C-alpha atoms as a PDB file:
ATOM      1  CA  MET A   1     116.435  68.443  72.167  1.00  0.00           C
ATOM      2  CA  ILE A   2     117.789  70.839  74.765  1.00  0.00           C
ATOM      3  CA  VAL A   3     117.780  69.860  78.426  1.00  0.00           C
ATOM      4  CA  HIS A   4     117.824  72.699  80.937  1.00  0.00           C
ATOM      5  CA  SER A   5     118.747  71.912  84.530  1.00  0.00           C
ATOM      6  CA  ILE A   6     118.186  74.452  87.290  1.00  0.00           C
ATOM      7  CA  LEU A   7     120.079  74.265  90.570  1.00  0.00           C
ATOM      8  CA  SER A   8     118.030  75.476  93.550  1.00  0.00           C
ATOM      9  CA  HIS A   9     117.987  75.446  97.324  1.00  0.00           C
ATOM     10  CA  HIS A  10     114.733  77.414  97.695  1.00  0.00           C
ATOM     11  CA  PRO A  11     111.637  76.259  99.623  1.00  0.00           C
ATOM     12  CA  ALA A  12     109.488  73.734  97.777  1.00  0.00           C
ATOM     13  CA  HIS A  13     106.675  76.141  96.923  1.00  0.00           C
ATOM     14  CA  VAL A  14     109.163  78.560  95.341  1.00  0.00           C
ATOM     15  CA  VAL A  15     110.747  75.772  93.311  1.00  0.00           C
ATOM     16  CA  ASP A  16     107.361  74.592  92.044  1.00  0.00           C
ATOM     17  CA  ALA A  17     106.373  78.142  91.088  1.00  0.00           C
ATOM     18  CA  MET A  18     109.570  78.506  89.072  1.00  0.00           C
ATOM     19  CA  ALA A  19     109.062  75.129  87.403  1.00  0.00           C
ATOM     20  CA  GLU A  20     105.535  76.119  86.405  1.00  0.00           C
ATOM     21  CA  PHE A  21     106.813  79.411  84.985  1.00  0.00           C
ATOM     22  CA  LEU A  22     109.601  77.764  83.002  1.00  0.00           C
ATOM     23  CA  GLN A  23     107.303  75.143  81.532  1.00  0.00           C
ATOM     24  CA  ALA A  24     104.839  77.839  80.469  1.00  0.00           C
ATOM     25  CA  LEU A  25     107.559  79.963  78.876  1.00  0.00           C
ATOM     26  CA  GLY A  26     109.718  77.192  77.410  1.00  0.00           C
ATOM     27  CA  ASN A  27     107.203  74.929  75.748  1.00  0.00           C
ATOM     28  CA  GLY A  28     108.917  71.797  74.447  1.00  0.00           C
ATOM     29  CA  VAL A  29     112.021  72.159  76.629  1.00  0.00           C
ATOM     30  CA  ARG A  30     112.867  69.302  78.994  1.00  0.00           C
ATOM     31  CA  PHE A  31     113.587  70.666  82.470  1.00  0.00           C
ATOM     32  CA  CYS A  32     115.387  68.913  85.297  1.00  0.00           C
ATOM     33  CA  LEU A  33     115.497  70.370  88.792  1.00  0.00           C
ATOM     34  CA  ALA A  34     118.652  69.725  90.799  1.00  0.00           C
ATOM     35  CA  TYR A  35     118.105  70.404  94.487  1.00  0.00           C
ATOM     36  CA  GLY A  36     120.899  71.266  96.891  1.00  0.00           C
ATOM     37  CA  GLY A  37     118.791  72.145  99.926  1.00  0.00           C
ATOM     38  CA  GLU A  38     117.484  69.916 102.696  1.00  0.00           C
ATOM     39  CA  GLN A  39     116.195  66.412 101.914  1.00  0.00           C
ATOM     40  CA  GLU A  40     112.961  67.094 103.815  1.00  0.00           C
ATOM     41  CA  GLU A  41     112.218  70.121 101.625  1.00  0.00           C
ATOM     42  CA  PHE A  42     113.132  68.196  98.481  1.00  0.00           C
ATOM     43  CA  GLU A  43     110.444  65.619  99.261  1.00  0.00           C
ATOM     44  CA  LYS A  44     107.805  68.373  99.283  1.00  0.00           C
ATOM     45  CA  ILE A  45     108.561  69.481  95.715  1.00  0.00           C
ATOM     46  CA  LEU A  46     105.742  68.443  93.387  1.00  0.00           C
ATOM     47  CA  PHE A  47     107.681  68.852  90.131  1.00  0.00           C
ATOM     48  CA  GLU A  48     108.520  65.296  89.089  1.00  0.00           C
ATOM     49  CA  ASP A  49     111.761  65.717  87.125  1.00  0.00           C
ATOM     50  CA  LYS A  50     113.888  66.397  90.172  1.00  0.00           C
ATOM     51  CA  ILE A  51     117.147  65.054  91.571  1.00  0.00           C
ATOM     52  CA  PHE A  52     118.630  65.502  95.033  1.00  0.00           C
ATOM     53  CA  LEU A  53     122.259  66.526  95.416  1.00  0.00           C
ATOM     54  CA  ALA A  54     123.782  65.629  98.759  1.00  0.00           C
ATOM     55  CA  ASP A  55     127.413  66.214  97.756  1.00  0.00           C
ATOM     56  CA  PRO A  56     129.135  68.617 100.205  1.00  0.00           C
ATOM     57  CA  GLY A  57     131.148  70.033  97.290  1.00  0.00           C
ATOM     58  CA  LEU A  58     128.180  72.275  96.497  1.00  0.00           C
ATOM     59  CA  ARG A  59     128.713  74.171  99.718  1.00  0.00           C
ATOM     60  CA  GLY A  60     131.493  75.809 101.658  1.00  0.00           C
ATOM     61  CA  LYS A  61     133.997  78.439 100.549  1.00  0.00           C
ATOM     62  CA  ILE A  62     133.480  79.614  96.990  1.00  0.00           C
ATOM     63  CA  GLU A  63     137.034  78.647  95.986  1.00  0.00           C
ATOM     64  CA  SER A  64     136.187  75.006  96.724  1.00  0.00           C
ATOM     65  CA  GLN A  65     132.614  74.781  95.412  1.00  0.00           C
ATOM     66  CA  ASN A  66     132.562  71.931  92.926  1.00  0.00           C
ATOM     67  CA  PHE A  67     129.352  71.445  90.910  1.00  0.00           C
ATOM     68  CA  SER A  68     130.520  68.328  89.071  1.00  0.00           C
ATOM     69  CA  CYS A  69     128.032  66.166  91.004  1.00  0.00           C
ATOM     70  CA  TRP A  70     125.272  68.268  89.435  1.00  0.00           C
ATOM     71  CA  PHE A  71     126.464  67.646  85.897  1.00  0.00           C
ATOM     72  CA  ARG A  72     126.903  63.927  86.513  1.00  0.00           C
ATOM     73  CA  ALA A  73     123.475  63.580  88.146  1.00  0.00           C
ATOM     74  CA  VAL A  74     121.730  65.331  85.242  1.00  0.00           C
ATOM     75  CA  LEU A  75     123.461  63.130  82.678  1.00  0.00           C
ATOM     76  CA  ASP A  76     122.465  60.033  84.680  1.00  0.00           C
ATOM     77  CA  TRP A  77     118.882  61.333  84.871  1.00  0.00           C
ATOM     78  CA  ALA A  78     118.744  61.970  81.098  1.00  0.00           C
ATOM     79  CA  GLU A  79     120.010  58.482  80.327  1.00  0.00           C
ATOM     80  CA  ARG A  80     117.663  56.884  82.859  1.00  0.00           C
ATOM     81  CA  MET A  81     114.687  58.785  81.420  1.00  0.00           C
ATOM     82  CA  ASN A  82     115.748  58.128  77.796  1.00  0.00           C
ATOM     83  CA  VAL A  83     115.938  61.850  77.095  1.00  0.00           C
ATOM     84  CA  ALA A  84     117.727  62.422  73.780  1.00  0.00           C
ATOM     85  CA  ALA A  85     119.646  65.524  74.808  1.00  0.00           C
ATOM     86  CA  GLU A  86     121.737  67.202  72.100  1.00  0.00           C
ATOM     87  CA  VAL A  87     122.573  70.214  74.279  1.00  0.00           C
ATOM     88  CA  VAL A  88     122.568  70.348  78.096  1.00  0.00           C
ATOM     89  CA  HIS A  89     122.227  73.776  79.713  1.00  0.00           C
ATOM     90  CA  PHE A  90     122.852  74.523  83.409  1.00  0.00           C
ATOM     91  CA  THR A  91     121.711  77.590  85.325  1.00  0.00           C
ATOM     92  CA  GLU A  92     121.336  78.576  88.933  1.00  0.00           C
ATOM     93  CA  CYS A  93     117.972  79.553  90.424  1.00  0.00           C
ATOM     94  CA  ASP A  94     118.698  83.290  90.170  1.00  0.00           C
ATOM     95  CA  HIS A  95     119.002  83.059  86.371  1.00  0.00           C
ATOM     96  CA  ILE A  96     115.681  84.035  84.772  1.00  0.00           C
ATOM     97  CA  PRO A  97     114.803  83.428  81.087  1.00  0.00           C
ATOM     98  CA  LEU A  98     112.703  86.293  79.746  1.00  0.00           C
ATOM     99  CA  ARG A  99     111.702  85.101  76.271  1.00  0.00           C
ATOM    100  CA  PRO A 100     110.104  81.903  74.932  1.00  0.00           C
ATOM    101  CA  ASP A 101     112.821  81.641  72.268  1.00  0.00           C
ATOM    102  CA  TYR A 102     115.595  81.772  74.882  1.00  0.00           C
ATOM    103  CA  TRP A 103     116.253  78.031  74.573  1.00  0.00           C
ATOM    104  CA  SER A 104     116.301  77.985  70.779  1.00  0.00           C
ATOM    105  CA  GLU A 105     118.864  80.800  70.939  1.00  0.00           C
ATOM    106  CA  ILE A 106     121.009  78.794  73.366  1.00  0.00           C
ATOM    107  CA  LYS A 107     120.958  75.815  71.013  1.00  0.00           C
ATOM    108  CA  ARG A 108     121.543  78.005  67.929  1.00  0.00           C
ATOM    109  CA  SER A 109     124.529  79.595  69.662  1.00  0.00           C
ATOM    110  CA  VAL A 110     126.145  76.232  70.346  1.00  0.00           C
ATOM    111  CA  CYS A 111     125.582  75.071  66.758  1.00  0.00           C
ATOM    112  CA  ALA A 112     126.778  78.343  65.230  1.00  0.00           C
ATOM    113  CA  SER A 113     129.909  78.429  67.387  1.00  0.00           C
ATOM    114  CA  GLY A 114     131.126  74.984  66.364  1.00  0.00           C
ATOM    115  CA  LYS A 115     132.237  74.573  69.989  1.00  0.00           C
ATOM    116  CA  ASP A 116     131.625  71.718  72.398  1.00  0.00           C
ATOM    117  CA  PHE A 117     131.087  74.014  75.377  1.00  0.00           C
ATOM    118  CA  LEU A 118     129.937  77.608  75.767  1.00  0.00           C
ATOM    119  CA  GLY A 119     130.066  79.767  78.870  1.00  0.00           C
ATOM    120  CA  LYS A 120     129.926  83.401  79.899  1.00  0.00           C
ATOM    121  CA  TRP A 121     133.404  84.946  80.003  1.00  0.00           C
ATOM    122  CA  CYS A 122     134.891  81.646  78.819  1.00  0.00           C
ATOM    123  CA  MET A 123     138.575  82.106  77.984  1.00  0.00           C
ATOM    124  CA  ASP A 124     142.132  80.954  78.570  1.00  0.00           C
ATOM    125  CA  ARG A 125     143.133  82.514  81.887  1.00  0.00           C
ATOM    126  CA  THR A 126     146.573  80.958  82.253  1.00  0.00           C
ATOM    127  CA  ASN A 127     148.547  84.185  82.095  1.00  0.00           C
ATOM    128  CA  THR A 128     145.941  86.507  83.570  1.00  0.00           C
ATOM    129  CA  ASN A 129     145.453  87.964  87.028  1.00  0.00           C
ATOM    130  CA  GLU A 130     141.892  86.658  87.255  1.00  0.00           C
ATOM    131  CA  GLN A 131     141.380  85.697  90.914  1.00  0.00           C
ATOM    132  CA  PHE A 132     140.617  82.007  90.481  1.00  0.00           C
ATOM    133  CA  SER A 133     143.411  81.507  87.967  1.00  0.00           C
ATOM    134  CA  LEU A 134     145.800  83.038  90.505  1.00  0.00           C
ATOM    135  CA  HIS A 135     144.335  80.858  93.250  1.00  0.00           C
ATOM    136  CA  TYR A 136     144.863  77.588  91.343  1.00  0.00           C
ATOM    137  CA  ARG A 137     147.905  78.175  89.180  1.00  0.00           C
ATOM    138  CA  ASN A 138     150.153  76.650  91.876  1.00  0.00           C
ATOM    139  CA  ASP A 139     147.623  74.276  93.425  1.00  0.00           C
ATOM    140  CA  PRO A 140     149.261  70.789  93.509  1.00  0.00           C
ATOM    141  CA  ALA A 141     146.015  68.757  93.370  1.00  0.00           C
ATOM    142  CA  PHE A 142     144.556  70.773  90.492  1.00  0.00           C
ATOM    143  CA  LEU A 143     147.769  70.712  88.458  1.00  0.00           C
ATOM    144  CA  ALA A 144     148.141  66.964  89.046  1.00  0.00           C
ATOM    145  CA  HIS A 145     144.568  66.519  87.815  1.00  0.00           C
ATOM    146  CA  LEU A 146     145.379  68.313  84.555  1.00  0.00           C
ATOM    147  CA  ARG A 147     148.645  66.388  84.062  1.00  0.00           C
ATOM    148  CA  ALA A 148     146.801  63.097  84.498  1.00  0.00           C
ATOM    149  CA  LEU A 149     144.519  64.073  81.623  1.00  0.00           C
ATOM    150  CA  ARG A 150     147.297  65.311  79.339  1.00  0.00           C
ATOM    151  CA  PRO A 151     150.704  64.135  80.628  1.00  0.00           C
ATOM    152  CA  ASN A 152     152.682  65.884  77.897  1.00  0.00           C
ATOM    153  CA  GLY A 153     150.789  69.179  78.137  1.00  0.00           C
ATOM    154  CA  PRO A 154     150.137  71.918  77.481  1.00  0.00           C
ATOM    155  CA  ASN A 155     147.652  72.261  80.327  1.00  0.00           C
ATOM    156  CA  PRO A 156     146.228  75.777  80.233  1.00  0.00           C
ATOM    157  CA  ILE A 157     143.905  77.109  82.907  1.00  0.00           C
ATOM    158  CA  TRP A 158     140.539  78.011  81.429  1.00  0.00           C
ATOM    159  CA  GLY A 159     137.636  79.662  83.182  1.00  0.00           C
ATOM    160  CA  ALA A 160     133.951  80.456  82.662  1.00  0.00           C
ATOM    161  CA  LEU A 161     131.088  81.662  84.819  1.00  0.00           C
ATOM    162  CA  ALA A 162     129.542  78.650  86.569  1.00  0.00           C
ATOM    163  CA  ASN A 163     126.033  79.873  85.823  1.00  0.00           C
ATOM    164  CA  GLY A 164     124.975  79.122  82.245  1.00  0.00           C
ATOM    165  CA  MET A 165     127.510  76.439  81.369  1.00  0.00           C
ATOM    166  CA  THR A 166     126.273  74.649  78.245  1.00  0.00           C
ATOM    167  CA  PHE A 167     127.565  71.386  76.779  1.00  0.00           C
ATOM    168  CA  ARG A 168     127.124  69.281  73.706  1.00  0.00           C
ATOM    169  CA  LEU A 169     126.217  65.772  74.779  1.00  0.00           C
ATOM    170  CA  GLU A 170     129.606  64.307  73.809  1.00  0.00           C
ATOM    171  CA  ALA A 171     131.437  66.836  75.986  1.00  0.00           C
ATOM    172  CA  ILE A 172     129.405  66.273  79.124  1.00  0.00           C
ATOM    173  CA  ARG A 173     129.661  62.497  78.698  1.00  0.00           C
ATOM    174  CA  ALA A 174     133.453  62.744  78.493  1.00  0.00           C
ATOM    175  CA  LEU A 175     133.549  65.084  81.473  1.00  0.00           C
ATOM    176  CA  CYS A 176     131.521  62.677  83.596  1.00  0.00           C
ATOM    177  CA  ASN A 177     133.947  59.844  82.835  1.00  0.00           C
ATOM    178  CA  VAL A 178     136.692  61.759  84.654  1.00  0.00           C
ATOM    179  CA  ASP A 179     137.307  61.741  88.403  1.00  0.00           C
ATOM    180  CA  LEU A 180     136.407  65.286  89.437  1.00  0.00           C
ATOM    181  CA  LYS A 181     136.424  64.794  93.200  1.00  0.00           C
ATOM    182  CA  LEU A 182     138.811  67.548  94.225  1.00  0.00           C
ATOM    183  CA  ASP A 183     138.475  70.856  96.019  1.00  0.00           C
ATOM    184  CA  CYS A 184     138.413  73.116  93.009  1.00  0.00           C
ATOM    185  CA  PHE A 185     135.961  75.806  91.981  1.00  0.00           C
ATOM    186  CA  THR A 186     133.640  74.842  89.127  1.00  0.00           C
ATOM    187  CA  GLU A 187     134.506  77.964  87.131  1.00  0.00           C
ATOM    188  CA  ILE A 188     138.090  76.717  86.729  1.00  0.00           C
ATOM    189  CA  LEU A 189     137.760  72.942  87.069  1.00  0.00           C
ATOM    190  CA  ILE A 190     135.168  72.293  84.351  1.00  0.00           C
ATOM    191  CA  PRO A 191     136.565  74.414  81.487  1.00  0.00           C
ATOM    192  CA  SER A 192     140.173  73.387  82.214  1.00  0.00           C
ATOM    193  CA  THR A 193     139.231  69.699  82.334  1.00  0.00           C
ATOM    194  CA  LEU A 194     137.326  69.895  79.053  1.00  0.00           C
ATOM    195  CA  ARG A 195     140.221  71.695  77.360  1.00  0.00           C
ATOM    196  CA  CYS A 196     142.676  69.027  78.491  1.00  0.00           C
ATOM    197  CA  LEU A 197     140.284  66.383  77.138  1.00  0.00           C
ATOM    198  CA  GLY A 198     140.587  68.034  73.711  1.00  0.00           C
ATOM    199  CA  PHE A 199     137.207  69.761  73.506  1.00  0.00           C
ATOM    200  CA  GLU A 200     136.691  73.188  71.955  1.00  0.00           C
ATOM    201  CA  LEU A 201     135.471  75.924  74.296  1.00  0.00           C
ATOM    202  CA  GLY A 202     133.857  79.239  73.446  1.00  0.00           C
ATOM    203  CA  ASP A 203     132.363  82.407  74.911  1.00  0.00           C
ATOM    204  CA  PHE A 204     128.626  82.993  74.550  1.00  0.00           C
ATOM    205  CA  ASP A 205     129.217  86.694  74.004  1.00  0.00           C
ATOM    206  CA  GLU A 206     131.183  85.984  70.818  1.00  0.00           C
ATOM    207  CA  VAL A 207     128.229  84.325  69.102  1.00  0.00           C
ATOM    208  CA  SER A 208     125.106  85.799  70.701  1.00  0.00           C
ATOM    209  CA  SER A 209     123.683  88.532  72.931  1.00  0.00           C
ATOM    210  CA  VAL A 210     121.785  85.866  74.886  1.00  0.00           C
ATOM    211  CA  PHE A 211     123.893  86.470  78.028  1.00  0.00           C
ATOM    212  CA  ALA A 212     124.210  90.239  77.673  1.00  0.00           C
ATOM    213  CA  ARG A 213     122.301  90.719  80.959  1.00  0.00           C
ATOM    214  CA  VAL A 214     124.244  88.084  82.883  1.00  0.00           C
ATOM    215  CA  ARG A 215     126.618  89.543  85.472  1.00  0.00           C
ATOM    216  CA  HIS A 216     127.992  89.007  88.970  1.00  0.00           C
ATOM    217  CA  ARG A 217     126.588  92.167  90.562  1.00  0.00           C
ATOM    218  CA  PRO A 218     124.480  94.186  91.145  1.00  0.00           C
ATOM    219  CA  GLU A 219     121.316  92.148  91.501  1.00  0.00           C
ATOM    220  CA  PHE A 220     118.453  92.787  89.107  1.00  0.00           C
ATOM    221  CA  LEU A 221     115.320  94.096  90.797  1.00  0.00           C
ATOM    222  CA  LEU A 222     111.671  93.807  89.903  1.00  0.00           C
ATOM    223  CA  SER A 223     111.787  97.475  88.874  1.00  0.00           C
ATOM    224  CA  ASP A 224     114.362  96.542  86.222  1.00  0.00           C
ATOM    225  CA  VAL A 225     112.141  93.959  84.551  1.00  0.00           C
ATOM    226  CA  SER A 226     110.045  96.339  82.446  1.00  0.00           C
ATOM    227  CA  ASP A 227     113.189  97.814  80.921  1.00  0.00           C
ATOM    228  CA  LEU A 228     114.617  94.356  80.286  1.00  0.00           C
ATOM    229  CA  LEU A 229     111.411  93.213  78.609  1.00  0.00           C
ATOM    230  CA  SER A 230     111.159  96.363  76.481  1.00  0.00           C
ATOM    231  CA  GLN A 231     114.735  95.741  75.348  1.00  0.00           C
ATOM    232  CA  ASP A 232     113.871  92.133  74.422  1.00  0.00           C
ATOM    233  CA  ALA A 233     116.558  90.848  76.773  1.00  0.00           C
ATOM    234  CA  TRP A 234     116.932  87.081  76.613  1.00  0.00           C
ATOM    235  CA  CYS A 235     117.501  86.520  80.333  1.00  0.00           C
ATOM    236  CA  CYS A 236     118.859  88.143  83.478  1.00  0.00           C
ATOM    237  CA  HIS A 237     121.147  87.072  86.295  1.00  0.00           C
ATOM    238  CA  PRO A 238     121.226  87.502  89.252  1.00  0.00           C
ATOM    239  CA  PHE A 239     117.597  87.988  90.358  1.00  0.00           C
ATOM    240  CA  LYS A 240     117.597  86.854  93.980  1.00  0.00           C
ATOM    241  CA  ASN A 241     114.525  88.259  95.711  1.00  0.00           C
ATOM    242  CA  ILE A 242     112.203  85.249  95.842  1.00  0.00           C
ATOM    243  CA  ARG A 243     109.419  87.420  97.278  1.00  0.00           C
ATOM    244  CA  ASP A 244     109.237  89.094  93.859  1.00  0.00           C
ATOM    245  CA  PHE A 245     109.284  85.874  91.836  1.00  0.00           C
ATOM    246  CA  SER A 246     105.508  85.692  91.341  1.00  0.00           C
ATOM    247  CA  SER A 247     105.343  89.289  90.060  1.00  0.00           C
ATOM    248  CA  LEU A 248     108.360  88.679  87.842  1.00  0.00           C
ATOM    249  CA  PHE A 249     106.820  85.553  86.344  1.00  0.00           C
ATOM    250  CA  GLU A 250     103.520  87.352  85.748  1.00  0.00           C
ATOM    251  CA  ASN A 251     105.308  90.215  83.981  1.00  0.00           C
ATOM    252  CA  VAL A 252     107.294  87.910  81.710  1.00  0.00           C
ATOM    253  CA  LEU A 253     104.346  85.699  80.787  1.00  0.00           C
ATOM    254  CA  GLY A 254     102.113  88.750  80.364  1.00  0.00           C
ATOM    255  CA  ARG A 255     104.602  90.248  77.933  1.00  0.00           C
ATOM    256  CA  ARG A 256     104.625  86.992  75.997  1.00  0.00           C
ATOM    257  CA  GLN A 257     100.840  86.926  75.734  1.00  0.00           C
ATOM    258  CA  SER A 258     100.579  90.581  74.679  1.00  0.00           C
ATOM    259  CA  ARG A 259     103.106  90.066  71.891  1.00  0.00           C
ATOM    260  CA  ALA A 260     101.246  86.999  70.654  1.00  0.00           C
ATOM    261  CA  CYS A 261      97.956  88.942  70.282  1.00  0.00           C
END
């Protein structure tokens, strides 16, 4: 089974609309909502498989945003609910699946890669000028964290886009047994920690086109959706305009129904 967790801070009615859309598109997928907004708004969400994240590491300057509490909370939820998760997939709320076979392609990609973890732009960044590698290459707390995991090295700095991180169950269990409470950006902390634990990491783009429409900027607009659907794109990121969510969901589900006829 694949578990897909979505991190959101949106108003409750927006979250519930997205949950309804995902369940309609991804039949048979187990979804878990992780909520990083206000507790009062969380209580209004009707979708039952939800967890509240109060950890301040989710907020603040991007260089210090640490999503490890999200990963740990989802693993705890899966074990508490007796969900037999083989693959655990994490996306932010501006990541929109566009095809019903999106999740089977995610799982196929992990199996075909032979890796324990896949991410967008996942690579060894030790000797690169990538901004977060440069930011952390001399950070005492981060380097001490890596040395504690592998005292005799080597301790390379790996990175991957935070959105779309996907783990085999064994990898996320090992990750959650490590103390990850430090001010370090998820995109560096998680891949580097896994590598020092001995897990194999890979780039989605090397095994699949599933993340071909995943990027930092510019944002995808509702006017882009028809082109994406005609191209059979698997997903898109970022799509941030929540006022267009209902039209987006209708377009995607309408495309699915027309192809089934």
